[in-house]
Amino acid sequence: MLDILAITSPIYIIVLMGYLSTRFGLFDKPDMRVFGKFVLNLALPALIFNALAQRHIREVLHPAYLLAYLGGSLLMLTTAYLAGRHLAGLSRIRSIFLAMGMSCSNSSFIGFPILLLMVAPVAGVALALNVIVENLVMLPLLLAMAEHTRDGAGPWRQVLWQTLKRLTRNPLVLAVTAGLAVSLAELALPQPVLRTVTLFSQASGGLSLFVIGGTLFGLPIGGGWQRVMPLVAGKLVGHPLAVLLLISLLPLLGVAPMAPQLRAAALLMAAMPMLSIYPILAQAYGEADRSATALLICMMTSFFTLSTWMWLVR
């Protein structure tokens, strides 16, 4: 267990440094937004493009990973939404954000740095596959559900189409598309281009964790932390169990099993805290405070749950 703590501790030390740097005024909250924009718009797209463009398409597209991760995430989404509506008696919009919190992981800012330490050879590919699942299926579906609760939001298809159109301008989605195109065409990119992309990609790991810490500063815990504990448990325990269930069912469905490192990557990605933009997305629907509290508690709790999952995976 000590070797696992040796891996997780630096991750959370960097997060803590980001928090303290913002807490004591070395950086301001707006600075963290600037750093975050750099990571999301340049560093992570460069990393994803690099991971895909330098591999053959057979090494990139793993149907078993996509089926297991997408199936487990949709299972968690459905379970959380129905539990919120019919067991807890929550409103539609609150149930939707309960489902989002339990089924959408922070793959980019936290997941990738941890995979880089645990399963480095497949970390970039796993991140790209997660971007496909989360940005092309999970978020459009959940945001379309949320928009549909508004008065005069329009029909389902129109709302979903508008959401997908916005995502086509997402740098991460564009990086996946470009990387797959280069991989499929088997193009050999010039070395100056590859070195430039690599330099940008190397900035993603530590800076993304630092940004998470700075973003956490100022989020409220208040007296409502007990109300969000089911959400936290669902994300950190329920989501990876759902993905693990789908992984175990793949052979029964006639799908070739995943390599051990990819299985570990899928499980660990599901065990990450929810999206760092979770409170921002919830703000437009009046769910900002609850979502911010859930994110903060989830980050604090994940040190223990992630260490346990990593120990089990190893």
C-alpha atoms as a PDB file:
ATOM      1  CA  MET A   1       0.000   0.000   0.000  1.00  0.00           C
ATOM      2  CA  LEU A   2       2.938   2.337   0.660  1.00  0.00           C
ATOM      3  CA  ASP A   3       3.949   2.247  -3.018  1.00  0.00           C
ATOM      4  CA  ILE A   4       0.405   3.275  -3.969  1.00  0.00           C
ATOM      5  CA  LEU A   5       0.537   6.195  -1.527  1.00  0.00           C
ATOM      6  CA  ALA A   6       3.858   7.160  -3.083  1.00  0.00           C
ATOM      7  CA  ILE A   7       1.998   7.520  -6.394  1.00  0.00           C
ATOM      8  CA  THR A   8      -1.134   9.291  -5.131  1.00  0.00           C
ATOM      9  CA  SER A   9       0.559  11.638  -2.645  1.00  0.00           C
ATOM     10  CA  PRO A  10       2.381  13.806  -5.247  1.00  0.00           C
ATOM     11  CA  ILE A  11      -0.910  14.152  -7.170  1.00  0.00           C
ATOM     12  CA  TYR A  12      -2.714  15.598  -4.165  1.00  0.00           C
ATOM     13  CA  ILE A  13       0.305  17.600  -3.016  1.00  0.00           C
ATOM     14  CA  ILE A  14       0.200  19.474  -6.334  1.00  0.00           C
ATOM     15  CA  VAL A  15      -3.569  19.980  -5.909  1.00  0.00           C
ATOM     16  CA  LEU A  16      -2.913  21.308  -2.393  1.00  0.00           C
ATOM     17  CA  MET A  17      -0.214  23.648  -3.715  1.00  0.00           C
ATOM     18  CA  GLY A  18      -2.698  25.067  -6.199  1.00  0.00           C
ATOM     19  CA  TYR A  19      -5.219  25.577  -3.410  1.00  0.00           C
ATOM     20  CA  LEU A  20      -2.713  27.242  -1.057  1.00  0.00           C
ATOM     21  CA  SER A  21      -1.246  29.414  -3.817  1.00  0.00           C
ATOM     22  CA  THR A  22      -4.726  30.807  -4.438  1.00  0.00           C
ATOM     23  CA  ARG A  23      -5.621  30.947  -0.751  1.00  0.00           C
ATOM     24  CA  PHE A  24      -2.579  33.095   0.105  1.00  0.00           C
ATOM     25  CA  GLY A  25      -2.738  35.337  -2.954  1.00  0.00           C
ATOM     26  CA  LEU A  26       0.194  34.069  -5.020  1.00  0.00           C
ATOM     27  CA  PHE A  27      -2.375  33.540  -7.791  1.00  0.00           C
ATOM     28  CA  ASP A  28      -5.956  34.746  -8.097  1.00  0.00           C
ATOM     29  CA  LYS A  29      -9.004  32.734  -9.129  1.00  0.00           C
ATOM     30  CA  PRO A  30      -9.016  34.438 -12.560  1.00  0.00           C
ATOM     31  CA  ASP A  31      -5.426  33.218 -13.018  1.00  0.00           C
ATOM     32  CA  MET A  32      -6.637  29.662 -12.572  1.00  0.00           C
ATOM     33  CA  ARG A  33      -9.186  30.188 -15.327  1.00  0.00           C
ATOM     34  CA  VAL A  34      -6.369  31.351 -17.615  1.00  0.00           C
ATOM     35  CA  PHE A  35      -4.222  28.318 -16.726  1.00  0.00           C
ATOM     36  CA  GLY A  36      -7.257  26.086 -17.233  1.00  0.00           C
ATOM     37  CA  LYS A  37      -7.922  27.561 -20.667  1.00  0.00           C
ATOM     38  CA  PHE A  38      -4.306  26.876 -21.629  1.00  0.00           C
ATOM     39  CA  VAL A  39      -4.605  23.254 -20.531  1.00  0.00           C
ATOM     40  CA  LEU A  40      -7.981  22.658 -22.206  1.00  0.00           C
ATOM     41  CA  ASN A  41      -7.279  24.569 -25.420  1.00  0.00           C
ATOM     42  CA  LEU A  42      -3.612  23.743 -26.049  1.00  0.00           C
ATOM     43  CA  ALA A  43      -1.844  21.297 -23.717  1.00  0.00           C
ATOM     44  CA  LEU A  44      -4.448  18.514 -23.537  1.00  0.00           C
ATOM     45  CA  PRO A  45      -5.408  18.690 -27.236  1.00  0.00           C
ATOM     46  CA  ALA A  46      -1.705  18.435 -28.083  1.00  0.00           C
ATOM     47  CA  LEU A  47      -1.359  15.424 -25.783  1.00  0.00           C
ATOM     48  CA  ILE A  48      -4.392  13.658 -27.281  1.00  0.00           C
ATOM     49  CA  PHE A  49      -3.276  14.395 -30.845  1.00  0.00           C
ATOM     50  CA  ASN A  50       0.217  13.131 -30.041  1.00  0.00           C
ATOM     51  CA  ALA A  51      -1.112   9.920 -28.488  1.00  0.00           C
ATOM     52  CA  LEU A  52      -3.299   9.120 -31.502  1.00  0.00           C
ATOM     53  CA  ALA A  53      -1.281  10.418 -34.442  1.00  0.00           C
ATOM     54  CA  GLN A  54       1.828   8.374 -33.614  1.00  0.00           C
ATOM     55  CA  ARG A  55      -0.024   5.047 -33.353  1.00  0.00           C
ATOM     56  CA  HIS A  56      -1.620   2.782 -35.918  1.00  0.00           C
ATOM     57  CA  ILE A  57      -5.391   2.939 -35.945  1.00  0.00           C
ATOM     58  CA  ARG A  58      -5.557  -0.630 -34.547  1.00  0.00           C
ATOM     59  CA  GLU A  59      -3.652   0.543 -31.467  1.00  0.00           C
ATOM     60  CA  VAL A  60      -6.013   3.484 -30.969  1.00  0.00           C
ATOM     61  CA  LEU A  61      -9.568   2.236 -31.415  1.00  0.00           C
ATOM     62  CA  HIS A  62     -10.456  -0.295 -28.726  1.00  0.00           C
ATOM     63  CA  PRO A  63     -14.150  -1.260 -29.055  1.00  0.00           C
ATOM     64  CA  ALA A  64     -14.030  -3.207 -25.795  1.00  0.00           C
ATOM     65  CA  TYR A  65     -12.883  -0.115 -23.865  1.00  0.00           C
ATOM     66  CA  LEU A  66     -15.522   2.075 -25.475  1.00  0.00           C
ATOM     67  CA  LEU A  67     -18.297  -0.455 -24.833  1.00  0.00           C
ATOM     68  CA  ALA A  68     -17.282  -1.068 -21.218  1.00  0.00           C
ATOM     69  CA  TYR A  69     -16.762   2.577 -20.275  1.00  0.00           C
ATOM     70  CA  LEU A  70     -19.774   3.912 -22.154  1.00  0.00           C
ATOM     71  CA  GLY A  71     -22.018   1.084 -20.953  1.00  0.00           C
ATOM     72  CA  GLY A  72     -20.936   1.516 -17.326  1.00  0.00           C
ATOM     73  CA  SER A  73     -21.386   5.294 -17.509  1.00  0.00           C
ATOM     74  CA  LEU A  74     -24.869   5.010 -19.039  1.00  0.00           C
ATOM     75  CA  LEU A  75     -25.802   2.413 -16.428  1.00  0.00           C
ATOM     76  CA  MET A  76     -24.690   4.794 -13.673  1.00  0.00           C
ATOM     77  CA  LEU A  77     -26.506   7.718 -15.301  1.00  0.00           C
ATOM     78  CA  THR A  78     -29.770   5.781 -15.515  1.00  0.00           C
ATOM     79  CA  THR A  79     -29.500   4.382 -11.992  1.00  0.00           C
ATOM     80  CA  ALA A  80     -28.718   7.777 -10.463  1.00  0.00           C
ATOM     81  CA  TYR A  81     -31.490   9.584 -12.327  1.00  0.00           C
ATOM     82  CA  LEU A  82     -34.147   7.005 -11.442  1.00  0.00           C
ATOM     83  CA  ALA A  83     -32.995   6.856  -7.815  1.00  0.00           C
ATOM     84  CA  GLY A  84     -33.138  10.632  -7.563  1.00  0.00           C
ATOM     85  CA  ARG A  85     -36.606  10.861  -9.073  1.00  0.00           C
ATOM     86  CA  HIS A  86     -38.343   7.855  -7.544  1.00  0.00           C
ATOM     87  CA  LEU A  87     -36.465   7.072  -4.330  1.00  0.00           C
ATOM     88  CA  ALA A  88     -35.295  10.494  -3.145  1.00  0.00           C
ATOM     89  CA  GLY A  89     -38.172  12.449  -4.674  1.00  0.00           C
ATOM     90  CA  LEU A  90     -35.877  15.026  -6.299  1.00  0.00           C
ATOM     91  CA  SER A  91     -36.894  17.368  -9.106  1.00  0.00           C
ATOM     92  CA  ARG A  92     -36.028  16.492 -12.697  1.00  0.00           C
ATOM     93  CA  ILE A  93     -33.203  19.014 -12.940  1.00  0.00           C
ATOM     94  CA  ARG A  94     -31.667  17.993  -9.605  1.00  0.00           C
ATOM     95  CA  SER A  95     -31.869  14.329 -10.622  1.00  0.00           C
ATOM     96  CA  ILE A  96     -30.134  15.150 -13.919  1.00  0.00           C
ATOM     97  CA  PHE A  97     -27.212  16.821 -12.141  1.00  0.00           C
ATOM     98  CA  LEU A  98     -27.099  13.981  -9.639  1.00  0.00           C
ATOM     99  CA  ALA A  99     -26.693  11.663 -12.625  1.00  0.00           C
ATOM    100  CA  MET A 100     -24.049  13.920 -14.194  1.00  0.00           C
ATOM    101  CA  GLY A 101     -22.039  14.000 -10.978  1.00  0.00           C
ATOM    102  CA  MET A 102     -22.081  10.210 -10.690  1.00  0.00           C
ATOM    103  CA  SER A 103     -21.385   9.314 -14.321  1.00  0.00           C
ATOM    104  CA  CYS A 104     -18.931  11.918 -15.729  1.00  0.00           C
ATOM    105  CA  SER A 105     -15.301  11.717 -14.601  1.00  0.00           C
ATOM    106  CA  ASN A 106     -12.545  14.296 -14.505  1.00  0.00           C
ATOM    107  CA  SER A 107     -10.531  12.383 -17.095  1.00  0.00           C
ATOM    108  CA  SER A 108      -8.384  15.272 -18.284  1.00  0.00           C
ATOM    109  CA  PHE A 109      -7.226  17.151 -15.190  1.00  0.00           C
ATOM    110  CA  ILE A 110      -6.938  14.256 -12.711  1.00  0.00           C
ATOM    111  CA  GLY A 111      -7.422  11.004 -14.611  1.00  0.00           C
ATOM    112  CA  PHE A 112      -4.597  11.431 -17.096  1.00  0.00           C
ATOM    113  CA  PRO A 113      -1.875  12.382 -14.554  1.00  0.00           C
ATOM    114  CA  ILE A 114      -2.775   9.317 -12.465  1.00  0.00           C
ATOM    115  CA  LEU A 115      -2.830   6.993 -15.494  1.00  0.00           C
ATOM    116  CA  LEU A 116       0.531   8.411 -16.501  1.00  0.00           C
ATOM    117  CA  LEU A 117       1.939   7.099 -13.222  1.00  0.00           C
ATOM    118  CA  MET A 118       0.041   3.799 -13.232  1.00  0.00           C
ATOM    119  CA  VAL A 119      -0.306   2.669 -16.869  1.00  0.00           C
ATOM    120  CA  ALA A 120       1.830   5.122 -18.842  1.00  0.00           C
ATOM    121  CA  PRO A 121       1.901   3.222 -22.199  1.00  0.00           C
ATOM    122  CA  VAL A 122      -1.896   3.469 -22.611  1.00  0.00           C
ATOM    123  CA  ALA A 123      -2.562   6.710 -20.716  1.00  0.00           C
ATOM    124  CA  GLY A 124      -2.872   8.923 -23.807  1.00  0.00           C
ATOM    125  CA  VAL A 125      -5.066   6.448 -25.682  1.00  0.00           C
ATOM    126  CA  ALA A 126      -7.331   5.973 -22.649  1.00  0.00           C
ATOM    127  CA  LEU A 127      -7.702   9.742 -22.322  1.00  0.00           C
ATOM    128  CA  ALA A 128      -8.644  10.046 -26.009  1.00  0.00           C
ATOM    129  CA  LEU A 129     -11.234   7.255 -25.687  1.00  0.00           C
ATOM    130  CA  ASN A 130     -12.689   8.939 -22.610  1.00  0.00           C
ATOM    131  CA  VAL A 131     -12.936  12.224 -24.490  1.00  0.00           C
ATOM    132  CA  ILE A 132     -14.978  10.405 -27.160  1.00  0.00           C
ATOM    133  CA  VAL A 133     -17.344   8.875 -24.582  1.00  0.00           C
ATOM    134  CA  GLU A 134     -17.767  11.952 -22.391  1.00  0.00           C
ATOM    135  CA  ASN A 135     -17.800  14.703 -25.010  1.00  0.00           C
ATOM    136  CA  LEU A 136     -19.722  12.963 -27.780  1.00  0.00           C
ATOM    137  CA  VAL A 137     -22.245  10.967 -25.735  1.00  0.00           C
ATOM    138  CA  MET A 138     -22.480  11.665 -22.003  1.00  0.00           C
ATOM    139  CA  LEU A 139     -22.349  15.477 -21.848  1.00  0.00           C
ATOM    140  CA  PRO A 140     -24.543  16.099 -24.917  1.00  0.00           C
ATOM    141  CA  LEU A 141     -27.145  13.679 -23.538  1.00  0.00           C
ATOM    142  CA  LEU A 142     -27.139  15.175 -20.032  1.00  0.00           C
ATOM    143  CA  LEU A 143     -27.125  18.784 -21.223  1.00  0.00           C
ATOM    144  CA  ALA A 144     -29.954  18.026 -23.635  1.00  0.00           C
ATOM    145  CA  MET A 145     -31.909  16.500 -20.729  1.00  0.00           C
ATOM    146  CA  ALA A 146     -31.238  19.617 -18.644  1.00  0.00           C
ATOM    147  CA  GLU A 147     -32.242  21.990 -21.447  1.00  0.00           C
ATOM    148  CA  HIS A 148     -35.431  20.011 -22.028  1.00  0.00           C
ATOM    149  CA  THR A 149     -36.587  20.885 -18.507  1.00  0.00           C
ATOM    150  CA  ARG A 150     -36.651  24.603 -19.404  1.00  0.00           C
ATOM    151  CA  ASP A 151     -39.872  26.206 -20.593  1.00  0.00           C
ATOM    152  CA  GLY A 152     -39.861  26.629 -24.344  1.00  0.00           C
ATOM    153  CA  ALA A 153     -36.667  24.663 -24.767  1.00  0.00           C
ATOM    154  CA  GLY A 154     -37.911  23.021 -27.957  1.00  0.00           C
ATOM    155  CA  PRO A 155     -38.053  19.359 -28.973  1.00  0.00           C
ATOM    156  CA  TRP A 156     -35.483  16.800 -27.869  1.00  0.00           C
ATOM    157  CA  ARG A 157     -33.807  16.466 -31.267  1.00  0.00           C
ATOM    158  CA  GLN A 158     -33.313  20.206 -31.654  1.00  0.00           C
ATOM    159  CA  VAL A 159     -31.800  20.583 -28.174  1.00  0.00           C
ATOM    160  CA  LEU A 160     -29.461  17.609 -28.700  1.00  0.00           C
ATOM    161  CA  TRP A 161     -28.409  18.889 -32.129  1.00  0.00           C
ATOM    162  CA  GLN A 162     -27.548  22.338 -30.752  1.00  0.00           C
ATOM    163  CA  THR A 163     -25.486  20.742 -27.991  1.00  0.00           C
ATOM    164  CA  LEU A 164     -23.575  18.588 -30.482  1.00  0.00           C
ATOM    165  CA  LYS A 165     -22.915  21.605 -32.720  1.00  0.00           C
ATOM    166  CA  ARG A 166     -21.289  23.412 -29.801  1.00  0.00           C
ATOM    167  CA  LEU A 167     -19.118  20.390 -29.057  1.00  0.00           C
ATOM    168  CA  THR A 168     -17.767  20.309 -32.616  1.00  0.00           C
ATOM    169  CA  ARG A 169     -15.809  23.436 -31.678  1.00  0.00           C
ATOM    170  CA  ASN A 170     -14.368  21.773 -28.548  1.00  0.00           C
ATOM    171  CA  PRO A 171     -10.533  21.618 -28.882  1.00  0.00           C
ATOM    172  CA  LEU A 172     -10.421  18.142 -27.285  1.00  0.00           C
ATOM    173  CA  VAL A 173     -12.917  16.777 -29.807  1.00  0.00           C
ATOM    174  CA  LEU A 174     -11.019  18.445 -32.657  1.00  0.00           C
ATOM    175  CA  ALA A 175      -7.771  16.890 -31.371  1.00  0.00           C
ATOM    176  CA  VAL A 176      -9.345  13.416 -31.326  1.00  0.00           C
ATOM    177  CA  THR A 177     -10.638  13.906 -34.883  1.00  0.00           C
ATOM    178  CA  ALA A 178      -7.294  15.170 -36.198  1.00  0.00           C
ATOM    179  CA  GLY A 179      -5.319  12.460 -34.409  1.00  0.00           C
ATOM    180  CA  LEU A 180      -7.563   9.685 -35.738  1.00  0.00           C
ATOM    181  CA  ALA A 181      -7.331  11.120 -39.263  1.00  0.00           C
ATOM    182  CA  VAL A 182      -3.513  11.147 -39.159  1.00  0.00           C
ATOM    183  CA  SER A 183      -3.465   7.634 -37.672  1.00  0.00           C
ATOM    184  CA  LEU A 184      -5.883   6.296 -40.287  1.00  0.00           C
ATOM    185  CA  ALA A 185      -3.918   7.885 -43.143  1.00  0.00           C
ATOM    186  CA  GLU A 186      -0.637   6.597 -41.637  1.00  0.00           C
ATOM    187  CA  LEU A 187       0.979   9.998 -42.160  1.00  0.00           C
ATOM    188  CA  ALA A 188       4.511  10.592 -40.910  1.00  0.00           C
ATOM    189  CA  LEU A 189       4.533  14.094 -39.445  1.00  0.00           C
ATOM    190  CA  PRO A 190       7.739  16.194 -39.652  1.00  0.00           C
ATOM    191  CA  GLN A 191       9.930  16.071 -36.576  1.00  0.00           C
ATOM    192  CA  PRO A 192       9.656  19.834 -35.839  1.00  0.00           C
ATOM    193  CA  VAL A 193       5.859  19.454 -35.729  1.00  0.00           C
ATOM    194  CA  LEU A 194       6.054  16.420 -33.440  1.00  0.00           C
ATOM    195  CA  ARG A 195       8.507  18.131 -31.079  1.00  0.00           C
ATOM    196  CA  THR A 196       6.323  21.232 -30.896  1.00  0.00           C
ATOM    197  CA  VAL A 197       3.227  19.180 -30.095  1.00  0.00           C
ATOM    198  CA  THR A 198       5.183  17.168 -27.512  1.00  0.00           C
ATOM    199  CA  LEU A 199       6.379  20.321 -25.740  1.00  0.00           C
ATOM    200  CA  PHE A 200       2.808  21.537 -25.387  1.00  0.00           C
ATOM    201  CA  SER A 201       1.581  18.122 -24.223  1.00  0.00           C
ATOM    202  CA  GLN A 202       4.226  17.903 -21.497  1.00  0.00           C
ATOM    203  CA  ALA A 203       2.721  20.959 -19.808  1.00  0.00           C
ATOM    204  CA  SER A 204      -0.618  19.257 -19.185  1.00  0.00           C
ATOM    205  CA  GLY A 205      -0.029  16.931 -16.208  1.00  0.00           C
ATOM    206  CA  GLY A 206       1.267  19.110 -13.375  1.00  0.00           C
ATOM    207  CA  LEU A 207      -0.498  22.286 -14.495  1.00  0.00           C
ATOM    208  CA  SER A 208      -3.892  20.575 -14.707  1.00  0.00           C
ATOM    209  CA  LEU A 209      -3.582  19.359 -11.104  1.00  0.00           C
ATOM    210  CA  PHE A 210      -2.449  22.813  -9.958  1.00  0.00           C
ATOM    211  CA  VAL A 211      -5.514  24.337 -11.645  1.00  0.00           C
ATOM    212  CA  ILE A 212      -7.821  21.880  -9.868  1.00  0.00           C
ATOM    213  CA  GLY A 213      -6.411  22.986  -6.501  1.00  0.00           C
ATOM    214  CA  GLY A 214      -6.834  26.666  -7.306  1.00  0.00           C
ATOM    215  CA  THR A 215     -10.368  26.073  -8.540  1.00  0.00           C
ATOM    216  CA  LEU A 216     -11.323  24.366  -5.269  1.00  0.00           C
ATOM    217  CA  PHE A 217     -10.488  27.477  -3.248  1.00  0.00           C
ATOM    218  CA  GLY A 218     -13.661  29.316  -2.299  1.00  0.00           C
ATOM    219  CA  LEU A 219     -16.037  26.442  -2.993  1.00  0.00           C
ATOM    220  CA  PRO A 220     -18.574  26.149  -0.153  1.00  0.00           C
ATOM    221  CA  ILE A 221     -18.831  23.172   2.183  1.00  0.00           C
ATOM    222  CA  GLY A 222     -21.453  24.764   4.404  1.00  0.00           C
ATOM    223  CA  GLY A 223     -23.762  22.536   6.380  1.00  0.00           C
ATOM    224  CA  GLY A 224     -25.022  20.560   3.399  1.00  0.00           C
ATOM    225  CA  TRP A 225     -22.146  18.148   2.996  1.00  0.00           C
ATOM    226  CA  GLN A 226     -24.224  15.255   4.358  1.00  0.00           C
ATOM    227  CA  ARG A 227     -26.732  15.676   1.511  1.00  0.00           C
ATOM    228  CA  VAL A 228     -24.090  15.169  -1.165  1.00  0.00           C
ATOM    229  CA  MET A 229     -22.469  12.060   0.322  1.00  0.00           C
ATOM    230  CA  PRO A 230     -24.688   9.670  -1.731  1.00  0.00           C
ATOM    231  CA  LEU A 231     -23.533  11.508  -4.864  1.00  0.00           C
ATOM    232  CA  VAL A 232     -19.885  11.254  -3.776  1.00  0.00           C
ATOM    233  CA  ALA A 233     -20.247   7.537  -2.993  1.00  0.00           C
ATOM    234  CA  GLY A 234     -21.967   6.930  -6.314  1.00  0.00           C
ATOM    235  CA  LYS A 235     -19.164   8.614  -8.244  1.00  0.00           C
ATOM    236  CA  LEU A 236     -16.154   7.173  -6.414  1.00  0.00           C
ATOM    237  CA  VAL A 237     -17.511   3.662  -5.806  1.00  0.00           C
ATOM    238  CA  GLY A 238     -20.639   3.116  -7.912  1.00  0.00           C
ATOM    239  CA  HIS A 239     -19.256   4.335 -11.237  1.00  0.00           C
ATOM    240  CA  PRO A 240     -16.117   2.130 -11.218  1.00  0.00           C
ATOM    241  CA  LEU A 241     -18.230  -0.851 -10.113  1.00  0.00           C
ATOM    242  CA  ALA A 242     -20.597  -0.244 -13.043  1.00  0.00           C
ATOM    243  CA  VAL A 243     -17.654  -0.155 -15.478  1.00  0.00           C
ATOM    244  CA  LEU A 244     -16.195  -3.268 -13.831  1.00  0.00           C
ATOM    245  CA  LEU A 245     -19.540  -5.034 -14.319  1.00  0.00           C
ATOM    246  CA  LEU A 246     -19.531  -4.182 -18.037  1.00  0.00           C
ATOM    247  CA  ILE A 247     -15.919  -5.340 -18.361  1.00  0.00           C
ATOM    248  CA  SER A 248     -16.896  -8.713 -16.872  1.00  0.00           C
ATOM    249  CA  LEU A 249     -19.860  -9.002 -19.270  1.00  0.00           C
ATOM    250  CA  LEU A 250     -17.859  -8.356 -22.456  1.00  0.00           C
ATOM    251  CA  PRO A 251     -16.776 -11.999 -22.982  1.00  0.00           C
ATOM    252  CA  LEU A 252     -20.410 -13.092 -22.637  1.00  0.00           C
ATOM    253  CA  LEU A 253     -21.306 -10.662 -25.431  1.00  0.00           C
ATOM    254  CA  GLY A 254     -18.641 -12.111 -27.709  1.00  0.00           C
ATOM    255  CA  VAL A 255     -16.335  -9.082 -27.422  1.00  0.00           C
ATOM    256  CA  ALA A 256     -12.620  -9.755 -27.196  1.00  0.00           C
ATOM    257  CA  PRO A 257     -11.337  -8.896 -23.709  1.00  0.00           C
ATOM    258  CA  MET A 258      -9.185  -5.828 -23.118  1.00  0.00           C
ATOM    259  CA  ALA A 259      -5.499  -5.890 -22.319  1.00  0.00           C
ATOM    260  CA  PRO A 260      -4.835  -5.681 -18.553  1.00  0.00           C
ATOM    261  CA  GLN A 261      -3.508  -2.113 -18.731  1.00  0.00           C
ATOM    262  CA  LEU A 262      -6.606  -0.910 -20.592  1.00  0.00           C
ATOM    263  CA  ARG A 263      -8.862  -2.658 -18.064  1.00  0.00           C
ATOM    264  CA  ALA A 264      -7.014  -0.865 -15.287  1.00  0.00           C
ATOM    265  CA  ALA A 265      -7.273   2.444 -17.153  1.00  0.00           C
ATOM    266  CA  ALA A 266     -11.052   2.091 -17.640  1.00  0.00           C
ATOM    267  CA  LEU A 267     -11.610   1.250 -13.988  1.00  0.00           C
ATOM    268  CA  LEU A 268      -9.403   4.081 -12.713  1.00  0.00           C
ATOM    269  CA  MET A 269     -10.945   6.651 -15.055  1.00  0.00           C
ATOM    270  CA  ALA A 270     -14.376   5.760 -13.679  1.00  0.00           C
ATOM    271  CA  ALA A 271     -13.047   6.108 -10.112  1.00  0.00           C
ATOM    272  CA  MET A 272     -12.008   9.750 -10.626  1.00  0.00           C
ATOM    273  CA  PRO A 273     -13.966  12.656  -9.097  1.00  0.00           C
ATOM    274  CA  MET A 274     -16.547  14.383 -11.253  1.00  0.00           C
ATOM    275  CA  LEU A 275     -15.805  17.050 -13.875  1.00  0.00           C
ATOM    276  CA  SER A 276     -14.098  20.196 -12.619  1.00  0.00           C
ATOM    277  CA  ILE A 277     -16.661  22.253 -14.589  1.00  0.00           C
ATOM    278  CA  TYR A 278     -19.526  20.461 -12.832  1.00  0.00           C
ATOM    279  CA  PRO A 279     -20.516  23.492 -10.688  1.00  0.00           C
ATOM    280  CA  ILE A 280     -20.198  25.787 -13.708  1.00  0.00           C
ATOM    281  CA  LEU A 281     -22.575  23.663 -15.773  1.00  0.00           C
ATOM    282  CA  ALA A 282     -24.969  23.420 -12.809  1.00  0.00           C
ATOM    283  CA  GLN A 283     -24.956  27.166 -12.169  1.00  0.00           C
ATOM    284  CA  ALA A 284     -27.236  27.907 -15.126  1.00  0.00           C
ATOM    285  CA  TYR A 285     -29.886  25.608 -13.628  1.00  0.00           C
ATOM    286  CA  GLY A 286     -29.756  26.791 -10.002  1.00  0.00           C
ATOM    287  CA  GLU A 287     -27.702  23.843  -8.738  1.00  0.00           C
ATOM    288  CA  ALA A 288     -24.341  25.588  -8.267  1.00  0.00           C
ATOM    289  CA  ASP A 289     -23.983  25.434  -4.456  1.00  0.00           C
ATOM    290  CA  ARG A 290     -24.880  21.763  -4.110  1.00  0.00           C
ATOM    291  CA  SER A 291     -22.652  20.855  -7.064  1.00  0.00           C
ATOM    292  CA  ALA A 292     -19.692  22.871  -5.728  1.00  0.00           C
ATOM    293  CA  THR A 293     -20.022  21.209  -2.322  1.00  0.00           C
ATOM    294  CA  ALA A 294     -20.160  17.790  -3.985  1.00  0.00           C
ATOM    295  CA  LEU A 295     -17.023  18.522  -6.027  1.00  0.00           C
ATOM    296  CA  LEU A 296     -15.043  19.670  -2.991  1.00  0.00           C
ATOM    297  CA  ILE A 297     -16.084  16.678  -0.835  1.00  0.00           C
ATOM    298  CA  CYS A 298     -15.458  14.326  -3.747  1.00  0.00           C
ATOM    299  CA  MET A 299     -11.924  15.629  -4.242  1.00  0.00           C
ATOM    300  CA  MET A 300     -11.126  15.249  -0.546  1.00  0.00           C
ATOM    301  CA  THR A 301     -12.601  11.744  -0.346  1.00  0.00           C
ATOM    302  CA  SER A 302     -11.010  10.548  -3.574  1.00  0.00           C
ATOM    303  CA  PHE A 303      -7.551  10.467  -2.001  1.00  0.00           C
ATOM    304  CA  PHE A 304      -8.657   7.432   0.023  1.00  0.00           C
ATOM    305  CA  THR A 305     -10.923   5.762  -2.544  1.00  0.00           C
ATOM    306  CA  LEU A 306      -8.471   6.189  -5.421  1.00  0.00           C
ATOM    307  CA  SER A 307      -5.629   4.804  -3.337  1.00  0.00           C
ATOM    308  CA  THR A 308      -7.793   1.759  -2.616  1.00  0.00           C
ATOM    309  CA  TRP A 309      -8.767   1.254  -6.276  1.00  0.00           C
ATOM    310  CA  MET A 310      -5.141   1.604  -7.357  1.00  0.00           C
ATOM    311  CA  TRP A 311      -4.077  -0.970  -4.788  1.00  0.00           C
ATOM    312  CA  LEU A 312      -6.763  -3.390  -6.008  1.00  0.00           C
ATOM    313  CA  VAL A 313      -5.780  -2.826  -9.647  1.00  0.00           C
ATOM    314  CA  ARG A 314      -2.129  -3.530  -8.937  1.00  0.00           C
END
